N, C-alpha and C. Protein backbone atom coordinates (compact mmCIF):
# COMPACT_ATOMS: atom_id res chain seq x y z
N MET A 1 -2.65 186.13 -92.69
CA MET A 1 -1.30 186.25 -92.13
C MET A 1 -0.26 186.11 -93.25
N THR A 2 0.62 187.08 -93.37
CA THR A 2 1.61 187.07 -94.44
C THR A 2 2.79 186.19 -94.06
N LYS A 3 3.61 185.88 -95.04
CA LYS A 3 4.80 185.05 -94.79
C LYS A 3 5.78 185.77 -93.88
N GLU A 4 5.75 187.10 -93.88
CA GLU A 4 6.65 187.85 -93.01
C GLU A 4 6.23 187.74 -91.55
N GLU A 5 4.92 187.66 -91.32
CA GLU A 5 4.42 187.60 -89.95
C GLU A 5 4.54 186.20 -89.34
N LEU A 6 4.47 185.22 -90.18
CA LEU A 6 4.47 183.85 -89.69
C LEU A 6 5.69 183.47 -88.84
N PRO A 7 6.92 183.74 -89.30
CA PRO A 7 8.09 183.37 -88.49
C PRO A 7 8.05 184.01 -87.10
N LEU A 8 7.68 185.28 -87.04
CA LEU A 8 7.63 185.97 -85.76
C LEU A 8 6.59 185.31 -84.87
N HIS A 9 5.46 184.99 -85.43
CA HIS A 9 4.39 184.32 -84.69
C HIS A 9 4.90 182.98 -84.14
N PHE A 10 5.61 182.26 -84.95
CA PHE A 10 6.16 180.96 -84.55
C PHE A 10 7.17 181.13 -83.42
N ILE A 11 8.00 182.15 -83.53
CA ILE A 11 9.02 182.41 -82.50
C ILE A 11 8.34 182.74 -81.17
N VAL A 12 7.28 183.52 -81.22
CA VAL A 12 6.56 183.87 -79.99
C VAL A 12 5.98 182.61 -79.36
N ILE A 13 5.38 181.76 -80.16
CA ILE A 13 4.82 180.50 -79.65
C ILE A 13 5.92 179.65 -79.02
N GLN A 14 7.06 179.58 -79.69
CA GLN A 14 8.19 178.81 -79.16
C GLN A 14 8.64 179.36 -77.81
N MET A 15 8.72 180.69 -77.71
CA MET A 15 9.16 181.32 -76.47
C MET A 15 8.18 181.01 -75.34
N VAL A 16 6.88 181.09 -75.65
CA VAL A 16 5.86 180.81 -74.64
C VAL A 16 5.93 179.35 -74.20
N CYS A 17 6.08 178.46 -75.17
CA CYS A 17 6.16 177.03 -74.85
C CYS A 17 7.40 176.73 -74.01
N ASP A 18 8.52 177.34 -74.38
CA ASP A 18 9.76 177.13 -73.62
C ASP A 18 9.58 177.63 -72.19
N ASN A 19 8.95 178.79 -72.05
CA ASN A 19 8.73 179.37 -70.73
C ASN A 19 7.84 178.46 -69.90
N LEU A 20 6.78 177.94 -70.52
CA LEU A 20 5.85 177.06 -69.81
C LEU A 20 6.56 175.78 -69.37
N SER A 21 7.38 175.24 -70.24
CA SER A 21 8.07 173.99 -69.91
C SER A 21 9.07 174.22 -68.77
N GLU A 22 9.72 175.39 -68.76
CA GLU A 22 10.65 175.70 -67.67
C GLU A 22 9.90 175.81 -66.35
N GLN A 23 8.75 176.47 -66.37
CA GLN A 23 7.96 176.63 -65.15
C GLN A 23 7.46 175.27 -64.69
N PHE A 24 7.11 174.41 -65.62
CA PHE A 24 6.63 173.08 -65.27
C PHE A 24 7.73 172.27 -64.59
N ILE A 25 8.93 172.38 -65.12
CA ILE A 25 10.08 171.67 -64.53
C ILE A 25 10.33 172.19 -63.11
N ILE A 26 10.23 173.49 -62.93
CA ILE A 26 10.42 174.08 -61.59
C ILE A 26 9.34 173.56 -60.65
N MET A 27 8.10 173.51 -61.10
CA MET A 27 7.00 173.00 -60.28
C MET A 27 7.24 171.53 -59.93
N GLN A 28 7.69 170.76 -60.91
CA GLN A 28 7.98 169.35 -60.68
C GLN A 28 9.06 169.19 -59.62
N THR A 29 10.08 170.02 -59.70
CA THR A 29 11.18 169.97 -58.74
C THR A 29 10.68 170.29 -57.33
N ILE A 30 9.84 171.31 -57.22
CA ILE A 30 9.29 171.70 -55.92
C ILE A 30 8.44 170.56 -55.37
N CYS A 31 7.62 169.95 -56.21
CA CYS A 31 6.76 168.85 -55.78
C CYS A 31 7.61 167.66 -55.34
N ASP A 32 8.66 167.38 -56.08
CA ASP A 32 9.55 166.26 -55.72
C ASP A 32 10.19 166.51 -54.35
N LYS A 33 10.61 167.73 -54.10
CA LYS A 33 11.25 168.05 -52.81
C LYS A 33 10.26 167.90 -51.68
N ARG A 34 9.01 168.26 -51.91
CA ARG A 34 7.99 168.14 -50.86
C ARG A 34 7.69 166.68 -50.59
N LEU A 35 7.67 165.87 -51.63
CA LEU A 35 7.40 164.44 -51.46
C LEU A 35 8.54 163.77 -50.71
N ASN A 36 9.76 164.20 -51.02
CA ASN A 36 10.92 163.61 -50.35
C ASN A 36 11.15 164.37 -49.06
């Protein structure tokens, strides 16, 4: 992997992680509403 590819790869990972964390928060919110 070249130095040019690395930043893009990192950005993709960040985007995926951010997306997963957002979905997790949404799931947590739904679960909280069901519990309450």
